[in-house]
Amino acid sequence: MSEEIATITADKVIDARGTACPGPLLEAKKGMGSIKVGQIIEIKSNDKGSRKDIAAWAGKMGHEFLGIIEAEGHDRLLVRRKK
């Protein structure tokens, strides 16, 4: 994990812990619609499938997947809205 990503403050945080695939991805899609272009969402998830799913979805939709921060018991996935 780069130090740079650890210092990012998300504009919107979505807590999808406790939901299985595709729950975190659906929450990310909803959250993306509520922020402006250039802003960042953080999806908290303890579903390991989210790592691939959210990164793939972000790329397919033209958003920027910033990376994953491993936290205690969950991941923090960061995505910047690009369009």
Foldseek 3Di string as FASTA:
>chain_A
DDPVVVPDDAPEEAEQEPDEPPSQVVSVVVVLVVDDAFGKYKYKYLHVVCQVVVCVVCVVVVWAWPDWDDDVNTIITMIGHHD
